[in-house]
């Protein structure tokens, strides 16, 4: 499809913050090439907060979590009400009158692709890692590459289906002065002075096979303070408070606990002020990379789509017998020393990835 014929575009990314952050580059490049194109975006409430004031997006629609999710259970609930799925489908259906030329699915799941189909858009595009079920609802899918340097490249390849060549892979994620000030104030109340160097640890995940043991996070926090003089700040949502409290209790360095105490933009600002981020494979990794903070990520060897970023060092679990195991609760094949070796690679480097 020729880009000159595109008048209205809908982007869908509800399942993960990673898709939303990486997709900001797609919206920017699309608007740069087609400045008169109207761009709407369906995302999660957290994603809507991240997209606040995005100059290339004309309207952001936060997919609600329907009331029915609190009264349904079992397989039906998992299939339809997880990750605001039903809300995304309802929002897409309600936008049929907008007559979109193109709908772009960044999640690559059956329900997000179905949402694109429900809009009635004649051209429905998906990324390289679109599932087979999702492909049934889409008209065009970008071909996978052998290697990706930036996570955003996966989605920017979609623009090639519209005969648009992107000029930049950088996510467009700008924090306001108010975001930075709010984060600095929160950190001050936790004992981190303005201008003081610190590390951020993000251990929380709802996916059991992505978890890393709390005692190893605690050991990393202690070694960051002893070896580099960096106090640690634990960050995560309120539902992960128990995990952050467990890490804090097992650490002798008494890291600050910000579980549930920040908005998503304030969390991004905390990451912006940090010297380094250490965590598991969640959307916080993409946010850290977008705000130019180097990261060390613990990842299971059974994780699919292992796409990294030049600002991210990945410590991958190595199976003892060389065979990738089935997904199991927790990552046990990565030690605290493995993570600290990757941390040293960043903290001993004279290269600064952040533009001050």
Foldseek 3Di string as FASTA:
>chain_A
DALVPFAEEEEEDQQALLLLQLCQLVLVLSCVVVVNHAYEYEYAPLSVVQCPPSVSHPYYHHQDQDPVLVVDDDPVSVVARPRSLVSLLVVLLVQLVVAGQEYEYSVLELSSLVSRLNSVHPAYEYFQPRDPNSVVSHDYYFHDDPADADPSVRVNSRCVVNVGDGDDSAGDGDADPVLLVVLQVVVVVQVAHPPRAAEEEEQDDPAQLQGADLLQVLVLQQCCCVVPVHHYAYEEEQVCQVSQVVNLVNHPSNHHYCHNVDRSSSVLSNLLRYQEYEYEPGSVQSSNVNSQHAYEYEGEPPDPPPHHYPSYHYDYFQDPVNDRDDRDGHRDRDGSVSRVVVVCVRVVDPDGRHDD
